[in-house]
Amino acid sequence: MRAAIMDLFWLRMVMWVRRRPSRQFMIAAVAVIVLAAVLVTIEKLGWWPDWAHADRVGRRGPGIHATPMN
């Protein structure tokens, strides 16, 4: 199985050498990686605002809790 994964890796590398991606694609890819790194850094430093945190939800969803009507 590992050999098949490495074969796909080398095939992809050969294709990149034969037909390189465009300059715009590479700039976009680097921009996405930099943006992700900046967001992770902001989160780790504690500068991320509280309203932007996602609440953890169980496997079955947030649930619906009926409130009694009086």
PDB file of N, CA and C in Angstrom:
ATOM      1  N   MET A   1       0.830  -1.197   0.000  1.00  0.00           N
ATOM      2  CA  MET A   1       0.000   0.000   0.000  1.00  0.00           C
ATOM      3  C   MET A   1       0.869   1.254   0.000  1.00  0.00           C
ATOM      4  N   ARG A   2       1.924   1.232   0.800  1.00  0.00           N
ATOM      5  CA  ARG A   2       2.793   2.402   0.883  1.00  0.00           C
ATOM      6  C   ARG A   2       3.472   2.669  -0.453  1.00  0.00           C
ATOM      7  N   ALA A   3       3.824   1.622  -1.174  1.00  0.00           N
ATOM      8  CA  ALA A   3       4.468   1.805  -2.475  1.00  0.00           C
ATOM      9  C   ALA A   3       3.528   2.512  -3.447  1.00  0.00           C
ATOM     10  N   ALA A   4       2.244   2.189  -3.380  1.00  0.00           N
ATOM     11  CA  ALA A   4       1.274   2.833  -4.269  1.00  0.00           C
ATOM     12  C   ALA A   4       1.166   4.324  -3.959  1.00  0.00           C
ATOM     13  N   ILE A   5       1.212   4.676  -2.679  1.00  0.00           N
ATOM     14  CA  ILE A   5       1.138   6.089  -2.296  1.00  0.00           C
ATOM     15  C   ILE A   5       2.374   6.830  -2.792  1.00  0.00           C
ATOM     16  N   MET A   6       3.545   6.209  -2.649  1.00  0.00           N
ATOM     17  CA  MET A   6       4.772   6.840  -3.126  1.00  0.00           C
ATOM     18  C   MET A   6       4.763   6.974  -4.641  1.00  0.00           C
ATOM     19  N   ASP A   7       4.201   5.967  -5.344  1.00  0.00           N
ATOM     20  CA  ASP A   7       4.106   6.064  -6.800  1.00  0.00           C
ATOM     21  C   ASP A   7       3.251   7.260  -7.199  1.00  0.00           C
ATOM     22  N   LEU A   8       2.127   7.471  -6.505  1.00  0.00           N
ATOM     23  CA  LEU A   8       1.280   8.623  -6.803  1.00  0.00           C
ATOM     24  C   LEU A   8       2.012   9.929  -6.513  1.00  0.00           C
ATOM     25  N   PHE A   9       2.786   9.935  -5.434  1.00  0.00           N
ATOM     26  CA  PHE A   9       3.565  11.125  -5.087  1.00  0.00           C
ATOM     27  C   PHE A   9       4.553  11.459  -6.200  1.00  0.00           C
ATOM     28  N   TRP A  10       5.312  10.451  -6.641  1.00  0.00           N
ATOM     29  CA  TRP A  10       6.300  10.689  -7.691  1.00  0.00           C
ATOM     30  C   TRP A  10       5.635  11.062  -9.005  1.00  0.00           C
ATOM     31  N   LEU A  11       4.490  10.454  -9.311  1.00  0.00           N
ATOM     32  CA  LEU A  11       3.766  10.800 -10.526  1.00  0.00           C
ATOM     33  C   LEU A  11       3.339  12.270 -10.501  1.00  0.00           C
ATOM     34  N   ARG A  12       2.851  12.719  -9.355  1.00  0.00           N
ATOM     35  CA  ARG A  12       2.446  14.119  -9.228  1.00  0.00           C
ATOM     36  C   ARG A  12       3.654  15.049  -9.379  1.00  0.00           C
ATOM     37  N   MET A  13       4.788  14.671  -8.785  1.00  0.00           N
ATOM     38  CA  MET A  13       5.989  15.500  -8.901  1.00  0.00           C
ATOM     39  C   MET A  13       6.465  15.579 -10.352  1.00  0.00           C
ATOM     40  N   VAL A  14       6.412  14.453 -11.072  1.00  0.00           N
ATOM     41  CA  VAL A  14       6.815  14.446 -12.482  1.00  0.00           C
ATOM     42  C   VAL A  14       5.898  15.352 -13.292  1.00  0.00           C
ATOM     43  N   MET A  15       4.607  15.297 -13.006  1.00  0.00           N
ATOM     44  CA  MET A  15       3.663  16.141 -13.738  1.00  0.00           C
ATOM     45  C   MET A  15       3.919  17.623 -13.452  1.00  0.00           C
ATOM     46  N   TRP A  16       4.301  17.957 -12.232  1.00  0.00           N
ATOM     47  CA  TRP A  16       4.603  19.352 -11.902  1.00  0.00           C
ATOM     48  C   TRP A  16       5.857  19.816 -12.634  1.00  0.00           C
ATOM     49  N   VAL A  17       6.842  18.914 -12.790  1.00  0.00           N
ATOM     50  CA  VAL A  17       8.070  19.294 -13.488  1.00  0.00           C
ATOM     51  C   VAL A  17       7.791  19.487 -14.973  1.00  0.00           C
ATOM     52  N   ARG A  18       6.965  18.633 -15.546  1.00  0.00           N
ATOM     53  CA  ARG A  18       6.667  18.725 -16.978  1.00  0.00           C
ATOM     54  C   ARG A  18       5.782  19.922 -17.305  1.00  0.00           C
ATOM     55  N   ARG A  19       4.839  20.208 -16.456  1.00  0.00           N
ATOM     56  CA  ARG A  19       3.913  21.320 -16.703  1.00  0.00           C
ATOM     57  C   ARG A  19       3.687  22.051 -15.386  1.00  0.00           C
ATOM     58  N   ARG A  20       4.537  23.018 -15.145  1.00  0.00           N
ATOM     59  CA  ARG A  20       4.489  23.730 -13.867  1.00  0.00           C
ATOM     60  C   ARG A  20       3.189  24.498 -13.714  1.00  0.00           C
ATOM     61  N   PRO A  21       2.728  24.651 -12.472  1.00  0.00           N
ATOM     62  CA  PRO A  21       1.533  25.464 -12.244  1.00  0.00           C
ATOM     63  C   PRO A  21       1.816  26.935 -12.563  1.00  0.00           C
ATOM     64  N   SER A  22       0.749  27.654 -12.853  1.00  0.00           N
ATOM     65  CA  SER A  22       0.906  29.064 -13.208  1.00  0.00           C
ATOM     66  C   SER A  22       1.376  29.880 -12.003  1.00  0.00           C
ATOM     67  N   ARG A  23       1.882  31.046 -12.300  1.00  0.00           N
ATOM     68  CA  ARG A  23       2.354  31.950 -11.246  1.00  0.00           C
ATOM     69  C   ARG A  23       1.196  32.359 -10.332  1.00  0.00           C
ATOM     70  N   GLN A  24       0.025  32.608 -10.918  1.00  0.00           N
ATOM     71  CA  GLN A  24      -1.142  32.993 -10.123  1.00  0.00           C
ATOM     72  C   GLN A  24      -1.553  31.872  -9.175  1.00  0.00           C
ATOM     73  N   PHE A  25      -1.489  30.622  -9.638  1.00  0.00           N
ATOM     74  CA  PHE A  25      -1.834  29.490  -8.777  1.00  0.00           C
ATOM     75  C   PHE A  25      -0.874  29.399  -7.600  1.00  0.00           C
ATOM     76  N   MET A  26       0.414  29.570  -7.862  1.00  0.00           N
ATOM     77  CA  MET A  26       1.402  29.481  -6.790  1.00  0.00           C
ATOM     78  C   MET A  26       1.225  30.626  -5.788  1.00  0.00           C
ATOM     79  N   ILE A  27       0.930  31.829  -6.282  1.00  0.00           N
ATOM     80  CA  ILE A  27       0.700  32.962  -5.380  1.00  0.00           C
ATOM     81  C   ILE A  27      -0.534  32.704  -4.521  1.00  0.00           C
ATOM     82  N   ALA A  28      -1.593  32.174  -5.136  1.00  0.00           N
ATOM     83  CA  ALA A  28      -2.817  31.879  -4.382  1.00  0.00           C
ATOM     84  C   ALA A  28      -2.561  30.798  -3.336  1.00  0.00           C
ATOM     85  N   ALA A  29      -1.804  29.760  -3.693  1.00  0.00           N
ATOM     86  CA  ALA A  29      -1.511  28.678  -2.750  1.00  0.00           C
ATOM     87  C   ALA A  29      -0.698  29.198  -1.566  1.00  0.00           C
ATOM     88  N   VAL A  30       0.308  30.007  -1.835  1.00  0.00           N
ATOM     89  CA  VAL A  30       1.132  30.573  -0.757  1.00  0.00           C
ATOM     90  C   VAL A  30       0.295  31.515   0.106  1.00  0.00           C
ATOM     91  N   ALA A  31      -0.598  32.280  -0.510  1.00  0.00           N
ATOM     92  CA  ALA A  31      -1.454  33.193   0.254  1.00  0.00           C
ATOM     93  C   ALA A  31      -2.371  32.431   1.201  1.00  0.00           C
ATOM     94  N   VAL A  32      -2.921  31.315   0.749  1.00  0.00           N
ATOM     95  CA  VAL A  32      -3.791  30.507   1.611  1.00  0.00           C
ATOM     96  C   VAL A  32      -2.996  29.931   2.775  1.00  0.00           C
ATOM     97  N   ILE A  33      -1.789  29.447   2.512  1.00  0.00           N
ATOM     98  CA  ILE A  33      -0.950  28.878   3.576  1.00  0.00           C
ATOM     99  C   ILE A  33      -0.573  29.956   4.591  1.00  0.00           C
ATOM    100  N   VAL A  34      -0.210  31.145   4.120  1.00  0.00           N
ATOM    101  CA  VAL A  34       0.152  32.244   5.025  1.00  0.00           C
ATOM    102  C   VAL A  34      -1.054  32.678   5.851  1.00  0.00           C
ATOM    103  N   LEU A  35      -2.224  32.776   5.221  1.00  0.00           N
ATOM    104  CA  LEU A  35      -3.435  33.156   5.948  1.00  0.00           C
ATOM    105  C   LEU A  35      -3.757  32.145   7.046  1.00  0.00           C
ATOM    106  N   ALA A  36      -3.642  30.861   6.731  1.00  0.00           N
ATOM    107  CA  ALA A  36      -3.898  29.829   7.739  1.00  0.00           C
ATOM    108  C   ALA A  36      -2.896  29.935   8.888  1.00  0.00           C
ATOM    109  N   ALA A  37      -1.629  30.169   8.564  1.00  0.00           N
ATOM    110  CA  ALA A  37      -0.609  30.299   9.606  1.00  0.00           C
ATOM    111  C   ALA A  37      -0.877  31.516  10.492  1.00  0.00           C
ATOM    112  N   VAL A  38      -1.309  32.618   9.902  1.00  0.00           N
ATOM    113  CA  VAL A  38      -1.624  33.823  10.679  1.00  0.00           C
ATOM    114  C   VAL A  38      -2.805  33.567  11.606  1.00  0.00           C
ATOM    115  N   LEU A  39      -3.852  32.917  11.100  1.00  0.00           N
ATOM    116  CA  LEU A  39      -5.020  32.634  11.938  1.00  0.00           C
ATOM    117  C   LEU A  39      -4.673  31.701  13.096  1.00  0.00           C
ATOM    118  N   VAL A  40      -3.861  30.692  12.833  1.00  0.00           N
ATOM    119  CA  VAL A  40      -3.451  29.775  13.908  1.00  0.00           C
ATOM    120  C   VAL A  40      -2.614  30.523  14.942  1.00  0.00           C
ATOM    121  N   THR A  41      -1.722  31.387  14.483  1.00  0.00           N
ATOM    122  CA  THR A  41      -0.891  32.158  15.410  1.00  0.00           C
ATOM    123  C   THR A  41      -1.742  33.081  16.276  1.00  0.00           C
ATOM    124  N   ILE A  42      -2.705  33.757  15.670  1.00  0.00           N
ATOM    125  CA  ILE A  42      -3.595  34.637  16.434  1.00  0.00           C
ATOM    126  C   ILE A  42      -4.361  33.838  17.480  1.00  0.00           C
ATOM    127  N   GLU A  43      -4.844  32.659  17.097  1.00  0.00           N
ATOM    128  CA  GLU A  43      -5.589  31.808  18.035  1.00  0.00           C
ATOM    129  C   GLU A  43      -4.693  31.360  19.186  1.00  0.00           C
ATOM    130  N   LYS A  44      -3.470  30.931  18.885  1.00  0.00           N
ATOM    131  CA  LYS A  44      -2.565  30.424  19.923  1.00  0.00           C
ATOM    132  C   LYS A  44      -2.109  31.528  20.876  1.00  0.00           C
ATOM    133  N   LEU A  45      -1.992  32.756  20.379  1.00  0.00           N
ATOM    134  CA  LEU A  45      -1.580  33.863  21.241  1.00  0.00           C
ATOM    135  C   LEU A  45      -2.720  34.389  22.104  1.00  0.00           C
ATOM    136  N   GLY A  46      -3.930  33.927  21.834  1.00  0.00           N
ATOM    137  CA  GLY A  46      -5.069  34.359  22.628  1.00  0.00           C
ATOM    138  C   GLY A  46      -5.684  35.657  22.158  1.00  0.00           C
ATOM    139  N   TRP A  47      -5.352  36.091  20.957  1.00  0.00           N
ATOM    140  CA  TRP A  47      -5.874  37.349  20.431  1.00  0.00           C
ATOM    141  C   TRP A  47      -7.179  37.161  19.675  1.00  0.00           C
ATOM    142  N   TRP A  48      -7.650  35.933  19.541  1.00  0.00           N
ATOM    143  CA  TRP A  48      -8.886  35.652  18.809  1.00  0.00           C
ATOM    144  C   TRP A  48     -10.065  36.080  19.672  1.00  0.00           C
ATOM    145  N   PRO A  49     -11.028  36.848  19.143  1.00  0.00           N
ATOM    146  CA  PRO A  49     -12.148  37.325  19.961  1.00  0.00           C
ATOM    147  C   PRO A  49     -13.055  36.178  20.406  1.00  0.00           C
ATOM    148  N   ASP A  50     -13.664  36.351  21.566  1.00  0.00           N
ATOM    149  CA  ASP A  50     -14.522  35.299  22.115  1.00  0.00           C
ATOM    150  C   ASP A  50     -15.725  35.010  21.230  1.00  0.00           C
ATOM    151  N   TRP A  51     -16.269  36.025  20.568  1.00  0.00           N
ATOM    152  CA  TRP A  51     -17.452  35.805  19.744  1.00  0.00           C
ATOM    153  C   TRP A  51     -17.141  34.947  18.515  1.00  0.00           C
ATOM    154  N   ALA A  52     -15.857  34.806  18.162  1.00  0.00           N
ATOM    155  CA  ALA A  52     -15.491  34.046  16.965  1.00  0.00           C
ATOM    156  C   ALA A  52     -15.203  32.578  17.255  1.00  0.00           C
ATOM    157  N   HIS A  53     -15.240  32.182  18.530  1.00  0.00           N
ATOM    158  CA  HIS A  53     -15.012  30.775  18.865  1.00  0.00           C
ATOM    159  C   HIS A  53     -16.248  29.957  18.540  1.00  0.00           C
ATOM    160  N   ALA A  54     -16.023  28.771  18.008  1.00  0.00           N
ATOM    161  CA  ALA A  54     -17.134  27.862  17.711  1.00  0.00           C
ATOM    162  C   ALA A  54     -17.407  27.004  18.945  1.00  0.00           C
ATOM    163  N   ASP A  55     -18.678  26.804  19.246  1.00  0.00           N
ATOM    164  CA  ASP A  55     -19.046  25.939  20.358  1.00  0.00           C
ATOM    165  C   ASP A  55     -18.918  24.488  19.929  1.00  0.00           C
ATOM    166  N   ARG A  56     -18.429  23.667  20.831  1.00  0.00           N
ATOM    167  CA  ARG A  56     -18.344  22.241  20.522  1.00  0.00           C
ATOM    168  C   ARG A  56     -19.737  21.636  20.610  1.00  0.00           C
ATOM    169  N   VAL A  57     -20.043  20.800  19.641  1.00  0.00           N
ATOM    170  CA  VAL A  57     -21.356  20.176  19.562  1.00  0.00           C
ATOM    171  C   VAL A  57     -21.150  18.673  19.542  1.00  0.00           C
ATOM    172  N   GLY A  58     -22.016  17.939  20.216  1.00  0.00           N
ATOM    173  CA  GLY A  58     -21.922  16.485  20.236  1.00  0.00           C
ATOM    174  C   GLY A  58     -22.215  15.877  18.879  1.00  0.00           C
ATOM    175  N   ARG A  59     -22.113  14.575  18.788  1.00  0.00           N
ATOM    176  CA  ARG A  59     -22.314  13.874  17.526  1.00  0.00           C
ATOM    177  C   ARG A  59     -23.738  14.001  17.011  1.00  0.00           C
ATOM    178  N   ARG A  60     -24.694  14.194  17.912  1.00  0.00           N
ATOM    179  CA  ARG A  60     -26.096  14.235  17.507  1.00  0.00           C
ATOM    180  C   ARG A  60     -26.608  15.655  17.321  1.00  0.00           C
ATOM    181  N   GLY A  61     -25.729  16.621  17.345  1.00  0.00           N
ATOM    182  CA  GLY A  61     -26.136  17.998  17.141  1.00  0.00           C
ATOM    183  C   GLY A  61     -26.359  18.716  18.454  1.00  0.00           C
ATOM    184  N   PRO A  62     -26.744  19.981  18.381  1.00  0.00           N
ATOM    185  CA  PRO A  62     -26.911  20.773  19.592  1.00  0.00           C
ATOM    186  C   PRO A  62     -28.110  20.349  20.423  1.00  0.00           C
ATOM    187  N   GLY A  63     -29.080  19.715  19.816  1.00  0.00           N
ATOM    188  CA  GLY A  63     -30.254  19.263  20.556  1.00  0.00           C
ATOM    189  C   GLY A  63     -31.309  20.343  20.662  1.00  0.00           C
ATOM    190  N   ILE A  64     -32.533  19.902  20.799  1.00  0.00           N
ATOM    191  CA  ILE A  64     -33.652  20.826  20.951  1.00  0.00           C
ATOM    192  C   ILE A  64     -34.263  20.560  22.315  1.00  0.00           C
ATOM    193  N   HIS A  65     -34.251  21.558  23.147  1.00  0.00           N
ATOM    194  CA  HIS A  65     -34.787  21.410  24.491  1.00  0.00           C
ATOM    195  C   HIS A  65     -36.072  22.221  24.585  1.00  0.00           C
ATOM    196  N   ALA A  66     -37.165  21.519  24.731  1.00  0.00           N
ATOM    197  CA  ALA A  66     -38.464  22.192  24.821  1.00  0.00           C
ATOM    198  C   ALA A  66     -38.617  22.819  26.197  1.00  0.00           C
ATOM    199  N   THR A  67     -39.102  24.029  26.201  1.00  0.00           N
ATOM    200  CA  THR A  67     -39.371  24.689  27.469  1.00  0.00           C
ATOM    201  C   THR A  67     -40.872  24.618  27.731  1.00  0.00           C
ATOM    202  N   PRO A  68     -41.257  24.330  28.953  1.00  0.00           N
ATOM    203  CA  PRO A  68     -42.691  24.223  29.244  1.00  0.00           C
ATOM    204  C   PRO A  68     -43.372  25.585  29.138  1.00  0.00           C
ATOM    205  N   MET A  69     -44.557  25.570  28.573  1.00  0.00           N
ATOM    206  CA  MET A  69     -45.326  26.810  28.437  1.00  0.00           C
ATOM    207  C   MET A  69     -46.306  26.908  29.596  1.00  0.00           C
ATOM    208  N   ASN A  70     -46.351  28.027  30.288  1.00  0.00           N
ATOM    209  CA  ASN A  70     -47.262  28.223  31.425  1.00  0.00           C
ATOM    210  C   ASN A  70     -48.350  29.177  31.077  1.00  0.00           C
TER     211      ASN A  70
END
